[in-house]
Amino acid sequence: SLRFVSALPQALARGGLYDVELHWTGDR
């Protein structure tokens, strides 16, 4: 798992910074 702060892709139409978490849960 990895946590970091980043801006989301423009396609999500959300401005500003976000706390992002990438993780593996079960088979996902």
PDB file of all heavy atoms in Angstrom:
ATOM      1  N   SER A   1       0.842  -1.195   0.000  1.00  0.00           N
ATOM      2  CA  SER A   1       0.000   0.000   0.000  1.00  0.00           C
ATOM      3  C   SER A   1       0.877   1.245   0.000  1.00  0.00           C
ATOM      4  O   SER A   1       2.005   1.218   0.494  1.00  0.00           O
ATOM      5  CB  SER A   1      -0.951   0.021   1.191  1.00  0.00           C
ATOM      6  OG  SER A   1      -0.235   0.198   2.397  1.00  0.00           O
ATOM      7  N   LEU A   2       0.318   2.316  -0.547  1.00  0.00           N
ATOM      8  CA  LEU A   2       1.054   3.575  -0.636  1.00  0.00           C
ATOM      9  C   LEU A   2       0.078   4.723  -0.461  1.00  0.00           C
ATOM     10  O   LEU A   2      -0.997   4.732  -1.061  1.00  0.00           O
ATOM     11  CB  LEU A   2       1.745   3.679  -2.006  1.00  0.00           C
ATOM     12  CG  LEU A   2       2.438   4.994  -2.324  1.00  0.00           C
ATOM     13  CD1 LEU A   2       3.585   5.250  -1.350  1.00  0.00           C
ATOM     14  CD2 LEU A   2       2.956   4.968  -3.752  1.00  0.00           C
ATOM     15  N   ARG A   3       0.444   5.673   0.398  1.00  0.00           N
ATOM     16  CA  ARG A   3      -0.344   6.883   0.616  1.00  0.00           C
ATOM     17  C   ARG A   3       0.501   8.081   0.211  1.00  0.00           C
ATOM     18  O   ARG A   3       1.693   8.131   0.525  1.00  0.00           O
ATOM     19  CB  ARG A   3      -0.756   6.987   2.090  1.00  0.00           C
ATOM     20  CG  ARG A   3      -1.812   5.969   2.463  1.00  0.00           C
ATOM     21  CD  ARG A   3      -1.889   5.715   3.957  1.00  0.00           C
ATOM     22  NE  ARG A   3      -0.642   5.289   4.600  1.00  0.00           N
ATOM     23  CZ  ARG A   3      -0.070   4.086   4.465  1.00  0.00           C
ATOM     24  NH1 ARG A   3      -0.626   3.176   3.689  1.00  0.00           N
ATOM     25  NH2 ARG A   3       1.048   3.771   5.088  1.00  0.00           N
ATOM     26  N   PHE A   4      -0.126   9.046  -0.451  1.00  0.00           N
ATOM     27  CA  PHE A   4       0.581  10.247  -0.881  1.00  0.00           C
ATOM     28  C   PHE A   4      -0.427  11.348  -1.164  1.00  0.00           C
ATOM     29  O   PHE A   4      -1.641  11.123  -1.157  1.00  0.00           O
ATOM     30  CB  PHE A   4       1.453   9.969  -2.108  1.00  0.00           C
ATOM     31  CG  PHE A   4       0.714   9.425  -3.298  1.00  0.00           C
ATOM     32  CD1 PHE A   4       0.327  10.255  -4.339  1.00  0.00           C
ATOM     33  CD2 PHE A   4       0.410   8.072  -3.392  1.00  0.00           C
ATOM     34  CE1 PHE A   4      -0.355   9.759  -5.437  1.00  0.00           C
ATOM     35  CE2 PHE A   4      -0.263   7.568  -4.493  1.00  0.00           C
ATOM     36  CZ  PHE A   4      -0.647   8.410  -5.518  1.00  0.00           C
ATOM     37  N   VAL A   5       0.061  12.548  -1.407  1.00  0.00           N
ATOM     38  CA  VAL A   5      -0.776  13.700  -1.718  1.00  0.00           C
ATOM     39  C   VAL A   5      -0.553  14.047  -3.184  1.00  0.00           C
ATOM     40  O   VAL A   5       0.588  14.137  -3.641  1.00  0.00           O
ATOM     41  CB  VAL A   5      -0.418  14.907  -0.814  1.00  0.00           C
ATOM     42  CG1 VAL A   5      -1.244  16.126  -1.185  1.00  0.00           C
ATOM     43  CG2 VAL A   5      -0.614  14.545   0.644  1.00  0.00           C
ATOM     44  N   SER A   6      -1.660  14.233  -3.922  1.00  0.00           N
ATOM     45  CA  SER A   6      -1.549  14.530  -5.350  1.00  0.00           C
ATOM     46  C   SER A   6      -2.833  15.185  -5.841  1.00  0.00           C
ATOM     47  O   SER A   6      -3.860  15.148  -5.160  1.00  0.00           O
ATOM     48  CB  SER A   6      -1.305  13.231  -6.135  1.00  0.00           C
ATOM     49  OG  SER A   6      -1.089  13.499  -7.502  1.00  0.00           O
ATOM     50  N   ALA A   7      -2.759  15.780  -7.015  1.00  0.00           N
ATOM     51  CA  ALA A   7      -3.957  16.288  -7.693  1.00  0.00           C
ATOM     52  C   ALA A   7      -4.562  15.130  -8.480  1.00  0.00           C
ATOM     53  O   ALA A   7      -3.841  14.300  -9.027  1.00  0.00           O
ATOM     54  CB  ALA A   7      -3.591  17.426  -8.627  1.00  0.00           C
ATOM     55  N   LEU A   8      -5.891  15.045  -8.527  1.00  0.00           N
ATOM     56  CA  LEU A   8      -6.559  13.979  -9.266  1.00  0.00           C
ATOM     57  C   LEU A   8      -6.601  14.309 -10.756  1.00  0.00           C
ATOM     58  O   LEU A   8      -6.471  15.476 -11.147  1.00  0.00           O
ATOM     59  CB  LEU A   8      -7.976  13.784  -8.726  1.00  0.00           C
ATOM     60  CG  LEU A   8      -8.077  13.251  -7.301  1.00  0.00           C
ATOM     61  CD1 LEU A   8      -9.529  13.111  -6.881  1.00  0.00           C
ATOM     62  CD2 LEU A   8      -7.358  11.931  -7.149  1.00  0.00           C
ATOM     63  N   PRO A   9      -6.806  13.307 -11.620  1.00  0.00           N
ATOM     64  CA  PRO A   9      -6.890  13.563 -13.061  1.00  0.00           C
ATOM     65  C   PRO A   9      -8.019  14.544 -13.392  1.00  0.00           C
ATOM     66  O   PRO A   9      -9.052  14.577 -12.712  1.00  0.00           O
ATOM     67  CB  PRO A   9      -7.189  12.182 -13.654  1.00  0.00           C
ATOM     68  CG  PRO A   9      -6.755  11.212 -12.627  1.00  0.00           C
ATOM     69  CD  PRO A   9      -6.921  11.890 -11.305  1.00  0.00           C
ATOM     70  N   GLN A  10      -7.839  15.339 -14.426  1.00  0.00           N
ATOM     71  CA  GLN A  10      -8.834  16.335 -14.827  1.00  0.00           C
ATOM     72  C   GLN A  10     -10.168  15.697 -15.183  1.00  0.00           C
ATOM     73  O   GLN A  10     -11.211  16.322 -15.046  1.00  0.00           O
ATOM     74  CB  GLN A  10      -8.317  17.147 -16.000  1.00  0.00           C
ATOM     75  CG  GLN A  10      -7.197  18.084 -15.616  1.00  0.00           C
ATOM     76  CD  GLN A  10      -6.713  18.907 -16.795  1.00  0.00           C
ATOM     77  OE1 GLN A  10      -7.116  18.687 -17.931  1.00  0.00           O
ATOM     78  NE2 GLN A  10      -5.834  19.856 -16.522  1.00  0.00           N
ATOM     79  N   ALA A  11     -10.150  14.457 -15.630  1.00  0.00           N
ATOM     80  CA  ALA A  11     -11.393  13.783 -16.027  1.00  0.00           C
ATOM     81  C   ALA A  11     -12.354  13.641 -14.849  1.00  0.00           C
ATOM     82  O   ALA A  11     -13.563  13.542 -15.046  1.00  0.00           O
ATOM     83  CB  ALA A  11     -11.079  12.407 -16.616  1.00  0.00           C
ATOM     84  N   LEU A  12     -11.847  13.634 -13.627  1.00  0.00           N
ATOM     85  CA  LEU A  12     -12.711  13.521 -12.450  1.00  0.00           C
ATOM     86  C   LEU A  12     -13.300  14.865 -12.054  1.00  0.00           C
ATOM     87  O   LEU A  12     -14.155  14.933 -11.177  1.00  0.00           O
ATOM     88  CB  LEU A  12     -11.938  12.923 -11.274  1.00  0.00           C
ATOM     89  CG  LEU A  12     -11.532  11.463 -11.427  1.00  0.00           C
ATOM     90  CD1 LEU A  12     -10.686  11.018 -10.251  1.00  0.00           C
ATOM     91  CD2 LEU A  12     -12.748  10.571 -11.584  1.00  0.00           C
ATOM     92  N   ALA A  13     -12.852  15.950 -12.690  1.00  0.00           N
ATOM     93  CA  ALA A  13     -13.367  17.308 -12.459  1.00  0.00           C
ATOM     94  C   ALA A  13     -13.350  17.674 -10.977  1.00  0.00           C
ATOM     95  O   ALA A  13     -14.333  18.147 -10.432  1.00  0.00           O
ATOM     96  CB  ALA A  13     -14.767  17.460 -13.048  1.00  0.00           C
ATOM     97  N   ARG A  14     -12.239  17.402 -10.325  1.00  0.00           N
ATOM     98  CA  ARG A  14     -12.081  17.740  -8.913  1.00  0.00           C
ATOM     99  C   ARG A  14     -10.781  18.521  -8.770  1.00  0.00           C
ATOM    100  O   ARG A  14      -9.713  18.015  -9.047  1.00  0.00           O
ATOM    101  CB  ARG A  14     -12.020  16.489  -8.047  1.00  0.00           C
ATOM    102  CG  ARG A  14     -13.289  15.680  -8.117  1.00  0.00           C
ATOM    103  CD  ARG A  14     -13.084  14.353  -7.422  1.00  0.00           C
ATOM    104  NE  ARG A  14     -14.221  13.503  -7.706  1.00  0.00           N
ATOM    105  CZ  ARG A  14     -15.042  13.048  -6.777  1.00  0.00           C
ATOM    106  NH1 ARG A  14     -14.857  13.359  -5.527  1.00  0.00           N
ATOM    107  NH2 ARG A  14     -16.044  12.270  -7.101  1.00  0.00           N
ATOM    108  N   GLY A  15     -10.891  19.752  -8.316  1.00  0.00           N
ATOM    109  CA  GLY A  15      -9.709  20.576  -8.146  1.00  0.00           C
ATOM    110  C   GLY A  15      -9.080  20.379  -6.784  1.00  0.00           C
ATOM    111  O   GLY A  15      -9.661  19.782  -5.887  1.00  0.00           O
ATOM    112  N   GLY A  16      -7.889  20.897  -6.631  1.00  0.00           N
ATOM    113  CA  GLY A  16      -7.201  20.853  -5.347  1.00  0.00           C
ATOM    114  C   GLY A  16      -6.396  19.585  -5.141  1.00  0.00           C
ATOM    115  O   GLY A  16      -6.287  18.736  -6.022  1.00  0.00           O
ATOM    116  N   LEU A  17      -5.846  19.493  -3.949  1.00  0.00           N
ATOM    117  CA  LEU A  17      -5.024  18.337  -3.593  1.00  0.00           C
ATOM    118  C   LEU A  17      -5.855  17.299  -2.844  1.00  0.00           C
ATOM    119  O   LEU A  17      -6.789  17.639  -2.123  1.00  0.00           O
ATOM    120  CB  LEU A  17      -3.851  18.777  -2.715  1.00  0.00           C
ATOM    121  CG  LEU A  17      -2.804  19.651  -3.406  1.00  0.00           C
ATOM    122  CD1 LEU A  17      -1.747  20.080  -2.399  1.00  0.00           C
ATOM    123  CD2 LEU A  17      -2.170  18.920  -4.575  1.00  0.00           C
ATOM    124  N   TYR A  18      -5.458  16.046  -3.013  1.00  0.00           N
ATOM    125  CA  TYR A  18      -6.158  14.927  -2.374  1.00  0.00           C
ATOM    126  C   TYR A  18      -5.156  13.984  -1.725  1.00  0.00           C
ATOM    127  O   TYR A  18      -4.046  13.806  -2.228  1.00  0.00           O
ATOM    128  CB  TYR A  18      -6.988  14.153  -3.406  1.00  0.00           C
ATOM    129  CG  TYR A  18      -8.243  14.875  -3.802  1.00  0.00           C
ATOM    130  CD1 TYR A  18      -8.210  15.899  -4.736  1.00  0.00           C
ATOM    131  CD2 TYR A  18      -9.460  14.559  -3.225  1.00  0.00           C
ATOM    132  CE1 TYR A  18      -9.355  16.580  -5.081  1.00  0.00           C
ATOM    133  CE2 TYR A  18     -10.614  15.231  -3.565  1.00  0.00           C
ATOM    134  CZ  TYR A  18     -10.550  16.246  -4.493  1.00  0.00           C
ATOM    135  OH  TYR A  18     -11.695  16.918  -4.817  1.00  0.00           O
ATOM    136  N   ASP A  19      -5.574  13.390  -0.610  1.00  0.00           N
ATOM    137  CA  ASP A  19      -4.829  12.294  -0.020  1.00  0.00           C
ATOM    138  C   ASP A  19      -5.229  11.051  -0.805  1.00  0.00           C
ATOM    139  O   ASP A  19      -6.408  10.683  -0.849  1.00  0.00           O
ATOM    140  CB  ASP A  19      -5.201  12.115   1.457  1.00  0.00           C
ATOM    141  CG  ASP A  19      -4.747  13.287   2.312  1.00  0.00           C
ATOM    142  OD1 ASP A  19      -3.695  13.867   2.005  1.00  0.00           O
ATOM    143  OD2 ASP A  19      -5.453  13.617   3.281  1.00  0.00           O
ATOM    144  N   VAL A  20      -4.255  10.433  -1.445  1.00  0.00           N
ATOM    145  CA  VAL A  20      -4.517   9.294  -2.326  1.00  0.00           C
ATOM    146  C   VAL A  20      -3.919   8.050  -1.689  1.00  0.00           C
ATOM    147  O   VAL A  20      -2.835   8.104  -1.102  1.00  0.00           O
ATOM    148  CB  VAL A  20      -3.891   9.540  -3.722  1.00  0.00           C
ATOM    149  CG1 VAL A  20      -4.148   8.368  -4.647  1.00  0.00           C
ATOM    150  CG2 VAL A  20      -4.422  10.829  -4.332  1.00  0.00           C
ATOM    151  N   GLU A  21      -4.639   6.942  -1.799  1.00  0.00           N
ATOM    152  CA  GLU A  21      -4.124   5.674  -1.290  1.00  0.00           C
ATOM    153  C   GLU A  21      -4.275   4.592  -2.347  1.00  0.00           C
ATOM    154  O   GLU A  21      -5.366   4.370  -2.876  1.00  0.00           O
ATOM    155  CB  GLU A  21      -4.856   5.242  -0.022  1.00  0.00           C
ATOM    156  CG  GLU A  21      -4.284   3.958   0.549  1.00  0.00           C
ATOM    157  CD  GLU A  21      -4.913   3.529   1.862  1.00  0.00           C
ATOM    158  OE1 GLU A  21      -5.848   4.198   2.319  1.00  0.00           O
ATOM    159  OE2 GLU A  21      -4.462   2.516   2.412  1.00  0.00           O
ATOM    160  N   LEU A  22      -3.164   3.946  -2.659  1.00  0.00           N
ATOM    161  CA  LEU A  22      -3.137   2.801  -3.563  1.00  0.00           C
ATOM    162  C   LEU A  22      -2.916   1.574  -2.694  1.00  0.00           C
ATOM    163  O   LEU A  22      -1.961   1.531  -1.914  1.00  0.00           O
ATOM    164  CB  LEU A  22      -1.991   2.950  -4.577  1.00  0.00           C
ATOM    165  CG  LEU A  22      -1.737   1.765  -5.496  1.00  0.00           C
ATOM    166  CD1 LEU A  22      -2.888   1.598  -6.480  1.00  0.00           C
ATOM    167  CD2 LEU A  22      -0.429   1.945  -6.254  1.00  0.00           C
ATOM    168  N   HIS A  23      -3.822   0.586  -2.781  1.00  0.00           N
ATOM    169  CA  HIS A  23      -3.657  -0.607  -1.960  1.00  0.00           C
ATOM    170  C   HIS A  23      -4.274  -1.828  -2.634  1.00  0.00           C
ATOM    171  O   HIS A  23      -5.104  -1.725  -3.530  1.00  0.00           O
ATOM    172  CB  HIS A  23      -4.257  -0.401  -0.561  1.00  0.00           C
ATOM    173  CG  HIS A  23      -5.727  -0.116  -0.576  1.00  0.00           C
ATOM    174  ND1 HIS A  23      -6.237   1.120  -0.803  1.00  0.00           N
ATOM    175  CD2 HIS A  23      -6.798  -0.921  -0.386  1.00  0.00           C
ATOM    176  CE1 HIS A  23      -7.552   1.076  -0.766  1.00  0.00           C
ATOM    177  NE2 HIS A  23      -7.926  -0.155  -0.505  1.00  0.00           N
ATOM    178  N   TRP A  24      -3.834  -2.969  -2.147  1.00  0.00           N
ATOM    179  CA  TRP A  24      -4.307  -4.266  -2.638  1.00  0.00           C
ATOM    180  C   TRP A  24      -5.164  -4.872  -1.545  1.00  0.00           C
ATOM    181  O   TRP A  24      -4.733  -5.054  -0.416  1.00  0.00           O
ATOM    182  CB  TRP A  24      -3.099  -5.137  -2.956  1.00  0.00           C
ATOM    183  CG  TRP A  24      -3.397  -6.553  -3.283  1.00  0.00           C
ATOM    184  CD1 TRP A  24      -4.365  -7.031  -4.107  1.00  0.00           C
ATOM    185  CD2 TRP A  24      -2.685  -7.700  -2.807  1.00  0.00           C
ATOM    186  NE1 TRP A  24      -4.299  -8.395  -4.170  1.00  0.00           N
ATOM    187  CE2 TRP A  24      -3.276  -8.834  -3.380  1.00  0.00           C
ATOM    188  CE3 TRP A  24      -1.623  -7.876  -1.958  1.00  0.00           C
ATOM    189  CZ2 TRP A  24      -2.829 -10.117  -3.130  1.00  0.00           C
ATOM    190  CZ3 TRP A  24      -1.170  -9.154  -1.714  1.00  0.00           C
ATOM    191  CH2 TRP A  24      -1.775 -10.260  -2.301  1.00  0.00           C
ATOM    192  N   THR A  25      -6.421  -5.164  -1.890  1.00  0.00           N
ATOM    193  CA  THR A  25      -7.363  -5.761  -0.948  1.00  0.00           C
ATOM    194  C   THR A  25      -7.945  -7.012  -1.582  1.00  0.00           C
ATOM    195  O   THR A  25      -8.624  -6.922  -2.601  1.00  0.00           O
ATOM    196  CB  THR A  25      -8.507  -4.770  -0.626  1.00  0.00           C
ATOM    197  OG1 THR A  25      -7.946  -3.558  -0.159  1.00  0.00           O
ATOM    198  CG2 THR A  25      -9.437  -5.334   0.419  1.00  0.00           C
ATOM    199  N   GLY A  26      -7.700  -8.156  -0.974  1.00  0.00           N
ATOM    200  CA  GLY A  26      -8.220  -9.409  -1.538  1.00  0.00           C
ATOM    201  C   GLY A  26      -7.640  -9.645  -2.915  1.00  0.00           C
ATOM    202  O   GLY A  26      -6.444  -9.812  -3.066  1.00  0.00           O
ATOM    203  N   ASP A  27      -8.482  -9.598  -3.927  1.00  0.00           N
ATOM    204  CA  ASP A  27      -8.001  -9.772  -5.295  1.00  0.00           C
ATOM    205  C   ASP A  27      -8.219  -8.500  -6.120  1.00  0.00           C
ATOM    206  O   ASP A  27      -8.335  -8.549  -7.332  1.00  0.00           O
ATOM    207  CB  ASP A  27      -8.680 -10.973  -5.955  1.00  0.00           C
ATOM    208  CG  ASP A  27     -10.163 -10.750  -6.184  1.00  0.00           C
ATOM    209  OD1 ASP A  27     -10.738  -9.849  -5.557  1.00  0.00           O
ATOM    210  OD2 ASP A  27     -10.745 -11.484  -7.012  1.00  0.00           O
ATOM    211  N   ARG A  28      -8.250  -7.349  -5.471  1.00  0.00           N
ATOM    212  CA  ARG A  28      -8.529  -6.073  -6.135  1.00  0.00           C
ATOM    213  C   ARG A  28      -7.420  -5.057  -5.862  1.00  0.00           C
ATOM    214  O   ARG A  28      -6.935  -4.946  -4.740  1.00  0.00           O
ATOM    215  CB  ARG A  28      -9.844  -5.482  -5.636  1.00  0.00           C
ATOM    216  CG  ARG A  28     -10.989  -6.467  -5.653  1.00  0.00           C
ATOM    217  CD  ARG A  28     -11.940  -6.130  -6.736  1.00  0.00           C
ATOM    218  NE  ARG A  28     -13.144  -6.952  -6.650  1.00  0.00           N
ATOM    219  CZ  ARG A  28     -13.526  -7.753  -7.618  1.00  0.00           C
ATOM    220  NH1 ARG A  28     -12.829  -7.850  -8.701  1.00  0.00           N
ATOM    221  NH2 ARG A  28     -14.631  -8.451  -7.504  1.00  0.00           N
TER     222      ARG A  28
END
